[in-house]
Protein backbone atom coordinates (compact mmCIF):
# COMPACT_ATOMS: atom_id res chain seq x y z
CA MET A 1 -10.87 -20.76 4.46
CA PRO A 2 -12.79 -17.43 4.07
CA SER A 3 -12.19 -15.62 0.77
CA VAL A 4 -11.93 -12.18 2.35
CA PHE A 5 -10.24 -10.88 5.50
CA VAL A 6 -11.10 -7.30 6.62
CA GLN A 7 -8.80 -5.77 9.26
CA GLY A 8 -7.32 -9.29 9.74
CA ARG A 9 -10.74 -10.87 10.43
CA PRO A 10 -12.68 -13.29 8.17
CA THR A 11 -15.65 -11.73 6.44
CA ALA A 12 -18.56 -13.59 4.74
CA ALA A 13 -18.90 -11.09 1.97
CA TYR A 14 -17.44 -7.68 0.91
CA PRO A 15 -18.03 -5.36 -2.00
CA PRO A 16 -15.51 -5.04 -4.87
CA LEU A 17 -14.58 -1.58 -3.70
CA ALA A 18 -14.11 -0.92 0.05
CA PRO A 19 -16.78 1.47 1.37
CA GLN A 20 -14.10 4.01 2.14
CA ALA A 21 -13.50 4.64 -1.51
CA ARG A 22 -17.02 5.76 -2.03
CA ARG A 23 -16.66 8.38 0.57
CA GLY A 24 -13.17 9.54 -0.41
CA SER A 25 -11.58 11.91 -2.98
CA VAL A 26 -8.75 11.19 -5.21
CA ARG A 27 -5.44 12.79 -4.15
CA ARG A 28 -2.23 13.32 -6.13
CA VAL A 29 0.23 10.43 -5.74
CA THR A 30 3.69 11.61 -4.62
CA GLU A 31 6.66 10.40 -6.75
CA VAL A 32 10.12 9.16 -5.81
CA GLY A 33 12.45 12.05 -5.12
CA GLU A 34 9.85 14.09 -3.11
CA GLU A 35 10.94 14.72 0.42
CA VAL A 36 7.85 13.30 2.10
CA LEU A 37 8.70 9.80 0.70
CA HIS A 38 12.20 9.78 2.02
CA LYS A 39 11.92 10.41 5.74
CA PRO A 40 10.17 8.51 8.46
CA CYS A 41 6.67 9.51 8.99
CA ARG A 42 5.29 10.95 12.23
CA ASP A 43 3.26 8.76 14.50
CA VAL A 44 -0.50 9.30 14.47
CA THR A 45 -1.60 10.71 17.84
CA GLU A 46 -5.00 12.03 17.07
CA PHE A 47 -7.89 9.73 16.11
CA GLY A 48 -11.09 11.11 14.80
CA PRO A 49 -12.86 12.47 11.68
CA ASP A 50 -9.76 13.85 10.00
CA LEU A 51 -8.02 10.50 10.09
CA ALA A 52 -11.05 8.70 8.88
CA ALA A 53 -11.35 11.17 5.93
CA LEU A 54 -7.66 10.55 5.07
CA ILE A 55 -8.26 6.80 4.96
CA ASP A 56 -11.23 7.24 2.75
CA ASP A 57 -9.12 9.32 0.37
CA MET A 58 -6.30 6.81 0.40
CA PHE A 59 -8.68 4.03 -0.62
CA ARG A 60 -10.15 6.16 -3.42
CA THR A 61 -6.74 7.12 -4.70
CA MET A 62 -5.50 3.42 -4.44
CA TYR A 63 -8.34 2.14 -6.70
CA VAL A 64 -7.93 4.85 -9.25
CA ALA A 65 -4.25 4.28 -9.39
CA ASP A 66 -4.73 0.45 -9.70
CA GLY A 67 -2.69 -0.18 -6.64
CA CYS A 68 -2.95 -2.59 -3.72
CA GLY A 69 -1.71 -0.40 -0.85
CA PRO A 70 -1.06 3.27 -0.43
CA ALA A 71 0.80 4.82 2.50
CA ALA A 72 -0.20 8.23 3.72
CA ASN A 73 2.99 9.85 2.55
CA GLN A 74 2.05 8.61 -1.04
CA VAL A 75 -0.80 11.05 -0.93
CA GLY A 76 1.48 13.79 0.58
CA VAL A 77 0.61 13.36 4.23
CA ASP A 78 3.50 12.77 6.68
CA LEU A 79 1.73 10.30 9.04
CA GLY A 80 2.43 6.61 9.94
CA LEU A 81 -0.51 4.87 8.18
CA PHE A 82 -1.26 2.69 5.20
CA GLY A 83 -4.22 0.95 3.64
CA TYR A 84 -4.51 -2.14 1.54
CA ASP A 85 -6.67 -4.27 -0.73
CA CYS A 86 -4.45 -7.03 -1.75
CA PRO A 87 -4.67 -10.79 -2.52
CA ASP A 88 -2.30 -13.41 -1.14
CA ASP A 89 -0.92 -16.26 -3.24
CA GLU A 90 -3.91 -18.46 -2.43
CA GLY A 91 -6.31 -15.92 -3.86
CA VAL A 92 -7.62 -14.79 -0.49
CA ARG A 93 -8.39 -11.04 -0.41
CA HIS A 94 -7.14 -8.85 2.42
CA VAL A 95 -8.60 -5.37 2.95
CA GLY A 96 -7.87 -2.82 5.76
CA HIS A 97 -5.62 -0.17 7.15
CA ILE A 98 -3.10 -0.01 9.91
CA VAL A 99 -1.96 3.00 11.87
CA ASN A 100 1.62 3.43 13.26
CA PRO A 101 2.62 -0.05 11.80
CA VAL A 102 5.64 -1.99 13.08
CA LEU A 103 6.91 -4.91 11.15
CA ASP A 104 7.86 -7.95 13.35
CA SER A 105 11.40 -9.27 12.96
CA LEU A 106 11.02 -12.87 12.02
CA ASP A 107 13.39 -15.66 12.77
CA PRO A 108 15.59 -16.25 9.57
CA ALA A 109 15.26 -19.99 10.15
CA GLY A 110 11.51 -19.84 9.89
CA ARG A 111 11.09 -17.71 6.77
CA ARG A 112 11.80 -17.90 3.03
CA LEU A 113 12.88 -15.07 0.83
CA LEU A 114 10.89 -14.65 -2.44
CA ASP A 115 12.64 -12.66 -5.17
CA GLU A 116 9.65 -11.47 -7.12
CA GLY A 117 8.42 -8.45 -9.15
CA GLU A 118 7.33 -5.42 -7.19
CA ARG A 119 5.90 -2.09 -8.24
CA CYS A 120 5.07 1.16 -6.48
CA LEU A 121 2.52 3.86 -7.14
CA SER A 122 5.26 6.31 -6.51
CA VAL A 123 7.55 4.92 -9.20
CA PRO A 124 4.92 4.68 -11.95
CA GLY A 125 5.42 2.06 -14.57
CA ALA A 126 8.51 0.30 -13.04
CA VAL A 127 8.53 -3.34 -12.06
CA MET A 128 11.65 -4.85 -10.41
CA ALA A 129 12.44 -7.97 -8.47
CA VAL A 130 12.85 -7.40 -4.81
CA PRO A 131 13.60 -10.14 -2.18
CA ARG A 132 11.06 -10.19 0.62
CA PRO A 133 10.14 -12.81 3.27
CA ASP A 134 7.20 -15.00 2.39
CA ARG A 135 5.50 -14.12 5.69
CA ALA A 136 4.90 -10.79 7.46
CA VAL A 137 3.39 -9.71 10.78
CA VAL A 138 2.48 -6.11 11.28
CA ARG A 139 1.31 -4.63 14.54
CA GLY A 140 -0.31 -1.22 15.05
CA LEU A 141 -3.71 0.43 15.68
CA ASP A 142 -6.96 0.92 13.70
CA GLU A 143 -8.52 4.27 13.00
CA ASP A 144 -10.15 4.24 16.41
CA GLY A 145 -6.86 3.70 18.20
CA GLU A 146 -7.55 0.04 18.98
CA PRO A 147 -4.69 -2.55 18.90
CA LEU A 148 -4.40 -4.40 15.54
CA VAL A 149 -2.28 -7.33 14.28
CA VAL A 150 -2.27 -8.27 10.66
CA GLU A 151 -0.55 -11.30 9.26
CA GLY A 152 0.21 -12.05 5.58
CA THR A 153 1.88 -14.59 3.33
CA GLY A 154 3.14 -14.49 -0.20
CA TYR A 155 2.13 -11.47 -2.18
CA PHE A 156 0.20 -9.98 0.77
CA ALA A 157 3.30 -10.27 2.91
CA ARG A 158 5.17 -8.34 0.33
CA CYS A 159 2.47 -5.69 0.36
CA LEU A 160 2.73 -5.32 4.21
CA ALA A 161 6.54 -5.05 4.14
CA HIS A 162 6.47 -2.58 1.21
CA GLU A 163 4.01 -0.28 2.84
CA THR A 164 5.77 -0.45 6.26
CA ASP A 165 8.82 0.57 4.38
CA HIS A 166 7.02 3.64 3.16
CA VAL A 167 6.05 4.68 6.67
CA ASN A 168 9.73 4.28 7.63
CA GLY A 169 10.83 6.61 4.76
CA GLN A 170 11.94 3.94 2.34
CA VAL A 171 10.87 3.19 -1.19
CA TYR A 172 11.57 -0.16 -2.80
CA LEU A 173 14.32 1.33 -4.94
CA ASP A 174 16.27 1.61 -1.76
CA ARG A 175 16.47 -2.20 -1.65
CA LEU A 176 17.99 -2.34 -5.20
CA SER A 177 21.50 -2.21 -6.49
CA ALA A 178 22.55 1.14 -7.98
CA ARG A 179 22.27 -0.53 -11.50
CA ASP A 180 18.76 -1.84 -10.90
CA ARG A 181 17.66 1.37 -9.43
CA LYS A 182 18.69 3.21 -12.67
CA ARG A 183 16.80 0.64 -14.65
CA ALA A 184 13.70 1.15 -12.59
CA LEU A 185 13.88 4.90 -13.02
CA ARG A 186 14.35 4.50 -16.87
CA GLN A 187 11.32 2.12 -16.91
CA SER A 188 9.25 4.77 -15.06
CA ALA A 189 10.39 7.64 -17.30
CA ASP A 190 9.41 5.57 -20.40
CA ARG A 191 5.96 4.41 -19.07
CA ARG A 192 4.96 7.36 -16.85
CA ASP A 193 2.57 9.03 -19.44
CA GLU A 194 0.89 5.65 -20.13
CA VAL A 195 0.34 5.06 -16.40
CA PHE A 196 -1.09 8.48 -15.73
CA ALA A 197 -3.49 8.07 -18.79
CA ARG A 198 -4.74 4.81 -17.33
CA ARG A 199 -5.25 6.47 -13.89
CA ALA A 200 -7.28 9.29 -15.42
CA ALA A 201 -9.53 6.77 -17.37
CA LYS A 202 -9.93 4.70 -14.21
CA GLY A 203 -11.01 7.81 -12.22
CA ARG A 204 -13.56 8.79 -14.86
CA ALA A 205 -14.91 5.27 -15.02
CA LEU A 206 -15.31 5.09 -11.24
CA GLU A 207 -17.22 8.41 -11.28
CA GLN A 208 -19.50 7.27 -14.00
CA ALA A 209 -20.23 3.91 -12.19
CA GLU A 210 -21.30 5.88 -9.19
CA GLY A 211 -23.73 7.91 -11.23
């Protein structure tokens, strides 16, 4: 099996950082409680340079924040879009973006729920177990408006479901009990400064590496 899939297609080789990140700029990551994270995003209707630039910025921000998938509303933009650079449970790397994503409803008989740790750039420092199906299929468009289908298993399936939730105005805390939600927010409050220090250092290191 190929070791990298880009936009759902096998690729012989791919750089450690997606090319978009070298073109983009770091944006502020929105945090839980901000309105843009808690309402469904608008569909993307215009495809062109502005959308491409947003995707570039999302990838740059993702790498600096040490994430595996930002949605547009996590950089403050109310549009239905997310990017990803995420491994599955077999170690296969998946890189790409999807516009106006819709998560397929899978037959319960053909899926298995995995109750594993999940984190979110918008809840810095918190890690909580969230049940998610072990397989996900997301349909949408690419940055040129062409139809796109991306499938994932294991951890990558979790990423696809998590990011589609963001586009629908949900954060993973919404899937937790009230008690676990409070625990996650306490974790975030305790670790937030440490997380932001790491992000700042990562940003500096990336700039230095680019010369």
